[in-house]
């Protein structure tokens, strides 16, 4: 087994055995990474080279797919007001990214990137402060590879 295959297997095992909170953090981290990558395709004049338009689109679409995963993971019955607020945020992020993708709007991407980064830090803190003593449950339905 080569290094690449071993690393891929290691990453997959990490995702499959992660707690629900850790999976959410991984999703947020990947979304922030994709938005950061999207921002690299803008030139100093906020223009995008024709060859980078598809790459920008791919980063935004991957982030939107992550947002969809986060949306469907919300338990609206048990989550109460927090779940409703998160859903509203995810819908807002999706709309902003859709508009940013159509108009090639760097500022909208930066805004969503900044807010998602702040939420990532909040989730990391929450997960660390509520980490269970027991072993995590294996999960296999989420693919965060980007």
N, C-alpha and C. Protein backbone atom coordinates (compact mmCIF):
# COMPACT_ATOMS: atom_id res chain seq x y z
N UNK A 1 0.86 -1.18 0.00
CA UNK A 1 0.00 0.00 0.00
C UNK A 1 0.90 1.23 0.00
N UNK A 2 0.73 2.10 -0.98
CA UNK A 2 1.53 3.30 -1.08
C UNK A 2 1.12 4.35 -0.05
N UNK A 3 1.96 5.37 0.07
CA UNK A 3 1.71 6.45 1.03
C UNK A 3 0.35 7.10 0.79
N UNK A 4 0.01 7.38 -0.47
CA UNK A 4 -1.26 8.03 -0.79
C UNK A 4 -2.44 7.17 -0.35
N UNK A 5 -2.38 5.88 -0.64
CA UNK A 5 -3.46 4.98 -0.23
C UNK A 5 -3.56 4.89 1.28
N UNK A 6 -2.45 4.84 1.97
CA UNK A 6 -2.45 4.76 3.43
C UNK A 6 -3.05 6.03 4.02
N UNK A 7 -2.67 7.17 3.48
CA UNK A 7 -3.19 8.44 3.99
C UNK A 7 -4.70 8.54 3.74
N UNK A 8 -5.14 8.12 2.57
CA UNK A 8 -6.58 8.13 2.25
C UNK A 8 -7.34 7.22 3.22
N UNK A 9 -6.80 6.04 3.47
CA UNK A 9 -7.45 5.10 4.41
C UNK A 9 -7.49 5.70 5.81
N UNK A 10 -6.42 6.37 6.21
CA UNK A 10 -6.36 7.03 7.52
C UNK A 10 -7.44 8.10 7.64
N UNK A 11 -7.56 8.95 6.59
CA UNK A 11 -8.57 10.00 6.60
C UNK A 11 -9.98 9.42 6.66
N UNK A 12 -10.24 8.38 5.88
CA UNK A 12 -11.56 7.75 5.85
C UNK A 12 -11.91 7.16 7.22
N UNK A 13 -10.96 6.53 7.86
CA UNK A 13 -11.19 5.97 9.19
C UNK A 13 -11.49 7.08 10.18
N UNK A 14 -10.78 8.19 10.07
CA UNK A 14 -11.03 9.33 10.95
C UNK A 14 -12.44 9.86 10.81
N UNK A 15 -12.94 9.92 9.59
CA UNK A 15 -14.29 10.42 9.35
C UNK A 15 -15.32 9.40 9.84
N UNK A 16 -15.08 8.13 9.55
CA UNK A 16 -16.05 7.09 9.90
C UNK A 16 -16.18 6.89 11.41
N UNK A 17 -15.15 7.22 12.15
CA UNK A 17 -15.20 7.01 13.60
C UNK A 17 -15.39 8.31 14.39
N UNK A 18 -15.57 9.41 13.69
CA UNK A 18 -15.71 10.70 14.36
C UNK A 18 -17.08 10.83 15.02
N UNK A 19 -17.11 11.59 16.10
CA UNK A 19 -18.38 11.89 16.76
C UNK A 19 -19.18 12.84 15.87
N UNK A 20 -20.44 12.99 16.18
CA UNK A 20 -21.29 13.89 15.39
C UNK A 20 -20.76 15.31 15.42
N UNK A 21 -20.33 15.76 16.58
CA UNK A 21 -19.77 17.11 16.69
C UNK A 21 -18.52 17.29 15.85
N UNK A 22 -17.66 16.29 15.88
CA UNK A 22 -16.43 16.35 15.10
C UNK A 22 -16.74 16.36 13.60
N UNK A 23 -17.76 15.59 13.18
CA UNK A 23 -18.15 15.61 11.77
C UNK A 23 -18.61 16.99 11.34
N UNK A 24 -19.35 17.66 12.20
CA UNK A 24 -19.80 19.02 11.88
C UNK A 24 -18.60 19.94 11.73
N UNK A 25 -17.64 19.81 12.64
CA UNK A 25 -16.43 20.63 12.56
C UNK A 25 -15.69 20.33 11.25
N UNK A 26 -15.58 19.06 10.89
CA UNK A 26 -14.91 18.70 9.63
C UNK A 26 -15.62 19.30 8.42
N UNK A 27 -16.94 19.30 8.45
CA UNK A 27 -17.69 19.91 7.35
C UNK A 27 -17.44 21.41 7.27
N UNK A 28 -17.49 22.07 8.41
CA UNK A 28 -17.21 23.51 8.43
C UNK A 28 -15.79 23.79 7.94
N UNK A 29 -14.82 23.02 8.41
CA UNK A 29 -13.44 23.24 8.00
C UNK A 29 -13.27 23.07 6.50
N UNK A 30 -13.93 22.09 5.94
CA UNK A 30 -13.84 21.89 4.49
C UNK A 30 -14.51 23.03 3.74
N UNK A 31 -15.63 23.52 4.24
CA UNK A 31 -16.31 24.66 3.60
C UNK A 31 -15.42 25.89 3.62
N UNK A 32 -14.80 26.16 4.75
CA UNK A 32 -13.89 27.30 4.87
C UNK A 32 -12.71 27.13 3.92
N UNK A 33 -12.19 25.92 3.83
CA UNK A 33 -11.08 25.63 2.92
C UNK A 33 -11.49 25.90 1.47
N UNK A 34 -12.67 25.43 1.07
CA UNK A 34 -13.13 25.61 -0.30
C UNK A 34 -13.34 27.09 -0.62
N UNK A 35 -13.90 27.84 0.31
CA UNK A 35 -14.11 29.27 0.08
C UNK A 35 -12.78 30.01 0.01
N UNK A 36 -11.83 29.62 0.85
CA UNK A 36 -10.49 30.21 0.79
C UNK A 36 -9.84 29.95 -0.55
N UNK A 37 -10.00 28.72 -1.04
CA UNK A 37 -9.47 28.36 -2.35
C UNK A 37 -10.16 29.18 -3.44
N UNK A 38 -11.48 29.35 -3.34
CA UNK A 38 -12.23 30.14 -4.32
C UNK A 38 -11.68 31.57 -4.40
N UNK A 39 -11.34 32.13 -3.27
CA UNK A 39 -10.85 33.50 -3.24
C UNK A 39 -9.50 33.65 -3.94
N UNK A 40 -8.74 32.57 -4.03
CA UNK A 40 -7.43 32.66 -4.69
C UNK A 40 -7.56 32.85 -6.20
N UNK A 41 -8.73 32.59 -6.75
CA UNK A 41 -8.91 32.73 -8.20
C UNK A 41 -9.20 34.16 -8.63
N UNK A 42 -9.37 35.06 -7.69
CA UNK A 42 -9.60 36.46 -8.03
C UNK A 42 -8.26 37.17 -8.14
N UNK A 43 -8.12 37.97 -9.19
CA UNK A 43 -6.92 38.77 -9.35
C UNK A 43 -7.00 40.02 -8.48
N UNK A 44 -5.96 40.84 -8.54
CA UNK A 44 -5.93 42.05 -7.72
C UNK A 44 -7.05 43.02 -8.11
N UNK A 45 -7.52 42.94 -9.33
CA UNK A 45 -8.61 43.81 -9.79
C UNK A 45 -9.97 43.12 -9.67
N UNK A 46 -10.03 42.03 -8.88
CA UNK A 46 -11.25 41.23 -8.68
C UNK A 46 -11.73 40.55 -9.95
N UNK A 47 -10.88 40.47 -10.94
CA UNK A 47 -11.21 39.75 -12.17
C UNK A 47 -10.75 38.30 -12.04
N UNK A 48 -11.41 37.43 -12.79
CA UNK A 48 -11.07 36.01 -12.79
C UNK A 48 -10.61 35.64 -14.19
N UNK A 49 -9.50 34.95 -14.26
CA UNK A 49 -9.02 34.47 -15.55
C UNK A 49 -10.03 33.47 -16.12
N UNK A 50 -10.26 33.49 -17.42
CA UNK A 50 -11.23 32.56 -18.02
C UNK A 50 -10.99 31.10 -17.64
N UNK A 51 -9.74 30.70 -17.51
CA UNK A 51 -9.43 29.32 -17.15
C UNK A 51 -9.74 28.97 -15.70
N UNK A 52 -9.98 29.99 -14.88
CA UNK A 52 -10.24 29.76 -13.45
C UNK A 52 -11.73 29.83 -13.10
N UNK A 53 -12.56 30.19 -14.05
CA UNK A 53 -14.00 30.31 -13.77
C UNK A 53 -14.59 28.99 -13.31
N UNK A 54 -14.24 27.91 -13.99
CA UNK A 54 -14.77 26.59 -13.60
C UNK A 54 -14.24 26.17 -12.23
N UNK A 55 -12.99 26.47 -11.95
CA UNK A 55 -12.39 26.13 -10.66
C UNK A 55 -13.11 26.88 -9.54
N UNK A 56 -13.37 28.16 -9.75
CA UNK A 56 -14.11 28.96 -8.78
C UNK A 56 -15.49 28.35 -8.56
N UNK A 57 -16.16 28.04 -9.64
CA UNK A 57 -17.49 27.44 -9.56
C UNK A 57 -17.45 26.15 -8.75
N UNK A 58 -16.47 25.30 -9.00
CA UNK A 58 -16.36 24.03 -8.29
C UNK A 58 -16.21 24.22 -6.78
N UNK A 59 -15.41 25.20 -6.39
CA UNK A 59 -15.22 25.48 -4.97
C UNK A 59 -16.53 25.94 -4.32
N UNK A 60 -17.24 26.81 -5.01
CA UNK A 60 -18.50 27.31 -4.47
C UNK A 60 -19.53 26.19 -4.40
N UNK A 61 -19.62 25.38 -5.42
CA UNK A 61 -20.58 24.28 -5.44
C UNK A 61 -20.27 23.27 -4.32
N UNK A 62 -19.00 22.97 -4.11
CA UNK A 62 -18.64 22.06 -3.02
C UNK A 62 -19.07 22.64 -1.67
N UNK A 63 -18.89 23.93 -1.50
CA UNK A 63 -19.32 24.57 -0.26
C UNK A 63 -20.84 24.49 -0.12
N UNK A 64 -21.56 24.70 -1.20
CA UNK A 64 -23.02 24.59 -1.15
C UNK A 64 -23.46 23.17 -0.82
N UNK A 65 -22.74 22.18 -1.33
CA UNK A 65 -23.05 20.79 -1.00
C UNK A 65 -22.84 20.53 0.49
N UNK A 66 -21.79 21.11 1.05
CA UNK A 66 -21.53 20.98 2.48
C UNK A 66 -22.65 21.65 3.27
N UNK A 67 -23.07 22.82 2.83
CA UNK A 67 -24.17 23.50 3.50
C UNK A 67 -25.44 22.66 3.47
N UNK A 68 -25.68 21.98 2.36
CA UNK A 68 -26.84 21.10 2.26
C UNK A 68 -26.72 19.96 3.27
N UNK A 69 -25.54 19.38 3.41
CA UNK A 69 -25.33 18.33 4.42
C UNK A 69 -25.60 18.87 5.82
N UNK A 70 -25.13 20.07 6.09
CA UNK A 70 -25.36 20.67 7.41
C UNK A 70 -26.85 20.92 7.64
N UNK A 71 -27.55 21.33 6.60
CA UNK A 71 -28.99 21.59 6.70
C UNK A 71 -29.76 20.31 7.03
N UNK A 72 -29.45 19.23 6.31
CA UNK A 72 -30.21 18.00 6.52
C UNK A 72 -29.83 17.31 7.83
N UNK A 73 -28.70 17.72 8.41
CA UNK A 73 -28.29 17.12 9.69
C UNK A 73 -28.97 17.80 10.88
N UNK A 74 -29.62 18.93 10.64
CA UNK A 74 -30.29 19.64 11.73
C UNK A 74 -31.52 18.87 12.21
N UNK A 75 -31.68 18.75 13.50
CA UNK A 75 -32.88 18.16 14.09
C UNK A 75 -33.76 19.32 14.54
N UNK A 76 -34.72 19.66 13.69
CA UNK A 76 -35.54 20.83 13.95
C UNK A 76 -36.43 20.65 15.18
N UNK A 77 -36.79 19.41 15.50
CA UNK A 77 -37.63 19.16 16.68
C UNK A 77 -36.84 19.33 17.97
N UNK A 78 -35.69 18.70 18.05
CA UNK A 78 -34.88 18.75 19.27
C UNK A 78 -34.02 20.00 19.34
N UNK A 79 -33.67 20.56 18.20
CA UNK A 79 -32.75 21.69 18.16
C UNK A 79 -33.35 23.03 18.53
N UNK A 80 -34.66 23.12 18.47
CA UNK A 80 -35.34 24.34 18.87
C UNK A 80 -34.88 25.57 18.13
N UNK A 81 -34.71 26.64 18.86
CA UNK A 81 -34.35 27.95 18.29
C UNK A 81 -32.96 27.92 17.64
N UNK A 82 -32.04 27.17 18.23
CA UNK A 82 -30.69 27.10 17.65
C UNK A 82 -30.74 26.47 16.26
N UNK A 83 -31.49 25.39 16.11
CA UNK A 83 -31.60 24.73 14.81
C UNK A 83 -32.26 25.66 13.79
N UNK A 84 -33.28 26.39 14.22
CA UNK A 84 -33.95 27.34 13.31
C UNK A 84 -32.98 28.43 12.87
N UNK A 85 -32.19 28.94 13.80
CA UNK A 85 -31.23 29.99 13.47
C UNK A 85 -30.13 29.48 12.54
N UNK A 86 -29.66 28.26 12.80
CA UNK A 86 -28.65 27.68 11.92
C UNK A 86 -29.21 27.45 10.53
N UNK A 87 -30.44 26.97 10.45
CA UNK A 87 -31.07 26.76 9.13
C UNK A 87 -31.15 28.08 8.37
N UNK A 88 -31.57 29.13 9.06
CA UNK A 88 -31.66 30.45 8.42
C UNK A 88 -30.28 30.90 7.93
N UNK A 89 -29.26 30.66 8.73
CA UNK A 89 -27.89 31.02 8.31
C UNK A 89 -27.46 30.23 7.09
N UNK A 90 -27.71 28.92 7.09
CA UNK A 90 -27.30 28.09 5.97
C UNK A 90 -28.04 28.49 4.69
N UNK A 91 -29.31 28.82 4.80
CA UNK A 91 -30.08 29.29 3.64
C UNK A 91 -29.48 30.61 3.13
N UNK A 92 -29.17 31.50 4.06
CA UNK A 92 -28.56 32.78 3.69
C UNK A 92 -27.22 32.55 3.00
N UNK A 93 -26.37 31.68 3.57
CA UNK A 93 -25.07 31.39 2.96
C UNK A 93 -25.24 30.85 1.55
N UNK A 94 -26.18 29.93 1.38
CA UNK A 94 -26.43 29.36 0.06
C UNK A 94 -26.85 30.42 -0.95
N UNK A 95 -27.74 31.31 -0.54
CA UNK A 95 -28.19 32.38 -1.44
C UNK A 95 -27.03 33.31 -1.80
N UNK A 96 -26.24 33.66 -0.81
CA UNK A 96 -25.09 34.54 -1.05
C UNK A 96 -24.10 33.89 -2.01
N UNK A 97 -23.85 32.60 -1.82
CA UNK A 97 -22.90 31.90 -2.68
C UNK A 97 -23.44 31.72 -4.09
N UNK A 98 -24.73 31.49 -4.21
CA UNK A 98 -25.34 31.40 -5.54
C UNK A 98 -25.18 32.72 -6.28
N UNK A 99 -25.49 33.80 -5.59
CA UNK A 99 -25.36 35.13 -6.19
C UNK A 99 -23.88 35.44 -6.50
N UNK A 100 -23.00 35.08 -5.57
CA UNK A 100 -21.56 35.32 -5.78
C UNK A 100 -21.04 34.54 -6.98
N UNK A 101 -21.55 33.35 -7.16
CA UNK A 101 -21.10 32.53 -8.28
C UNK A 101 -21.58 33.11 -9.61
N UNK A 102 -22.80 33.57 -9.63
CA UNK A 102 -23.35 34.15 -10.86
C UNK A 102 -22.64 35.46 -11.22
N UNK A 103 -22.45 36.31 -10.21
CA UNK A 103 -21.89 37.65 -10.45
C UNK A 103 -20.38 37.72 -10.27
N UNK A 104 -19.75 36.59 -9.88
CA UNK A 104 -18.31 36.57 -9.59
C UNK A 104 -17.97 37.65 -8.56
N UNK A 105 -18.70 37.62 -7.45
CA UNK A 105 -18.62 38.65 -6.41
C UNK A 105 -17.71 38.21 -5.27
N UNK A 106 -16.51 38.73 -5.28
CA UNK A 106 -15.51 38.39 -4.26
C UNK A 106 -15.98 38.74 -2.86
N UNK A 107 -16.61 39.90 -2.69
CA UNK A 107 -17.02 40.36 -1.37
C UNK A 107 -18.02 39.41 -0.71
N UNK A 108 -18.93 38.86 -1.49
CA UNK A 108 -19.90 37.92 -0.92
C UNK A 108 -19.22 36.63 -0.48
N UNK A 109 -18.27 36.18 -1.27
CA UNK A 109 -17.53 34.97 -0.89
C UNK A 109 -16.73 35.25 0.38
N UNK A 110 -16.07 36.40 0.43
CA UNK A 110 -15.30 36.76 1.62
C UNK A 110 -16.19 36.84 2.86
N UNK A 111 -17.37 37.39 2.71
CA UNK A 111 -18.29 37.53 3.83
C UNK A 111 -18.73 36.16 4.37
N UNK A 112 -19.12 35.27 3.46
CA UNK A 112 -19.54 33.92 3.88
C UNK A 112 -18.33 33.19 4.47
N UNK A 113 -17.18 33.33 3.86
CA UNK A 113 -15.95 32.71 4.36
C UNK A 113 -15.67 33.14 5.79
N UNK A 114 -15.75 34.42 6.05
CA UNK A 114 -15.47 34.97 7.38
C UNK A 114 -16.48 34.44 8.41
N UNK A 115 -17.76 34.46 8.05
CA UNK A 115 -18.78 33.98 8.98
C UNK A 115 -18.65 32.49 9.25
N UNK A 116 -18.36 31.71 8.21
CA UNK A 116 -18.20 30.27 8.40
C UNK A 116 -16.96 29.96 9.22
N UNK A 117 -15.92 30.75 9.06
CA UNK A 117 -14.72 30.56 9.87
C UNK A 117 -15.03 30.83 11.34
N UNK A 118 -15.79 31.88 11.62
CA UNK A 118 -16.18 32.18 13.00
C UNK A 118 -17.04 31.05 13.57
N UNK A 119 -17.97 30.53 12.77
CA UNK A 119 -18.80 29.42 13.23
C UNK A 119 -17.96 28.16 13.46
N UNK A 120 -16.95 27.95 12.63
CA UNK A 120 -16.07 26.80 12.82
C UNK A 120 -15.42 26.88 14.19
N UNK A 121 -14.89 28.04 14.52
CA UNK A 121 -14.24 28.22 15.82
C UNK A 121 -15.22 27.98 16.97
N UNK A 122 -16.45 28.44 16.80
CA UNK A 122 -17.47 28.22 17.83
C UNK A 122 -17.78 26.73 17.98
N UNK A 123 -17.89 26.02 16.85
CA UNK A 123 -18.16 24.58 16.90
C UNK A 123 -16.99 23.82 17.53
N UNK A 124 -15.77 24.20 17.21
CA UNK A 124 -14.60 23.56 17.81
C UNK A 124 -14.66 23.70 19.32
N UNK A 125 -14.94 24.90 19.79
CA UNK A 125 -15.04 25.15 21.22
C UNK A 125 -16.16 24.32 21.84
N UNK A 126 -17.31 24.28 21.18
CA UNK A 126 -18.44 23.52 21.70
C UNK A 126 -18.14 22.03 21.77
N UNK A 127 -17.53 21.50 20.71
CA UNK A 127 -17.22 20.07 20.67
C UNK A 127 -16.19 19.72 21.74
N UNK A 128 -15.18 20.55 21.88
CA UNK A 128 -14.15 20.29 22.88
C UNK A 128 -14.70 20.35 24.30
N UNK A 129 -15.64 21.24 24.55
CA UNK A 129 -16.17 21.39 25.90
C UNK A 129 -17.23 20.34 26.24
N UNK A 130 -17.75 19.64 25.23
CA UNK A 130 -18.77 18.63 25.49
C UNK A 130 -18.34 17.25 25.01
N UNK A 131 -17.04 17.05 24.83
CA UNK A 131 -16.53 15.76 24.33
C UNK A 131 -16.92 14.63 25.28
N UNK A 132 -17.54 13.58 24.74
CA UNK A 132 -17.93 12.46 25.58
C UNK A 132 -16.73 11.64 26.04
N UNK A 133 -16.89 10.98 27.15
CA UNK A 133 -15.84 10.13 27.67
C UNK A 133 -15.82 8.80 26.93
N UNK A 134 -16.99 8.37 26.43
CA UNK A 134 -17.09 7.10 25.73
C UNK A 134 -16.51 7.19 24.32
N UNK A 135 -16.38 6.03 23.67
CA UNK A 135 -15.86 5.95 22.32
C UNK A 135 -16.87 6.52 21.33
N UNK A 136 -16.40 7.17 20.25
CA UNK A 136 -17.32 7.70 19.23
C UNK A 136 -17.99 6.58 18.45
N UNK A 137 -19.16 6.91 17.90
CA UNK A 137 -19.92 5.97 17.08
C UNK A 137 -19.48 6.12 15.63
N UNK A 138 -19.32 5.01 14.93
CA UNK A 138 -18.90 5.05 13.52
C UNK A 138 -20.01 5.61 12.65
N UNK A 139 -19.66 6.49 11.73
CA UNK A 139 -20.59 7.08 10.78
C UNK A 139 -20.01 6.87 9.39
N UNK A 140 -20.86 6.57 8.41
CA UNK A 140 -20.33 6.31 7.06
C UNK A 140 -21.02 7.10 5.97
N UNK A 141 -21.95 7.97 6.26
CA UNK A 141 -22.75 8.60 5.22
C UNK A 141 -22.19 9.91 4.69
N UNK A 142 -21.21 10.51 5.33
CA UNK A 142 -20.77 11.84 4.93
C UNK A 142 -19.41 11.75 4.25
N UNK A 143 -19.31 12.37 3.09
CA UNK A 143 -18.06 12.42 2.34
C UNK A 143 -17.63 13.87 2.26
N UNK A 144 -16.54 14.23 2.95
CA UNK A 144 -16.11 15.62 2.95
C UNK A 144 -14.89 15.84 2.08
N UNK A 145 -14.52 14.84 1.31
CA UNK A 145 -13.35 15.00 0.45
C UNK A 145 -13.61 16.08 -0.59
N UNK A 146 -12.71 17.00 -0.74
CA UNK A 146 -12.90 18.09 -1.69
C UNK A 146 -11.84 18.13 -2.63
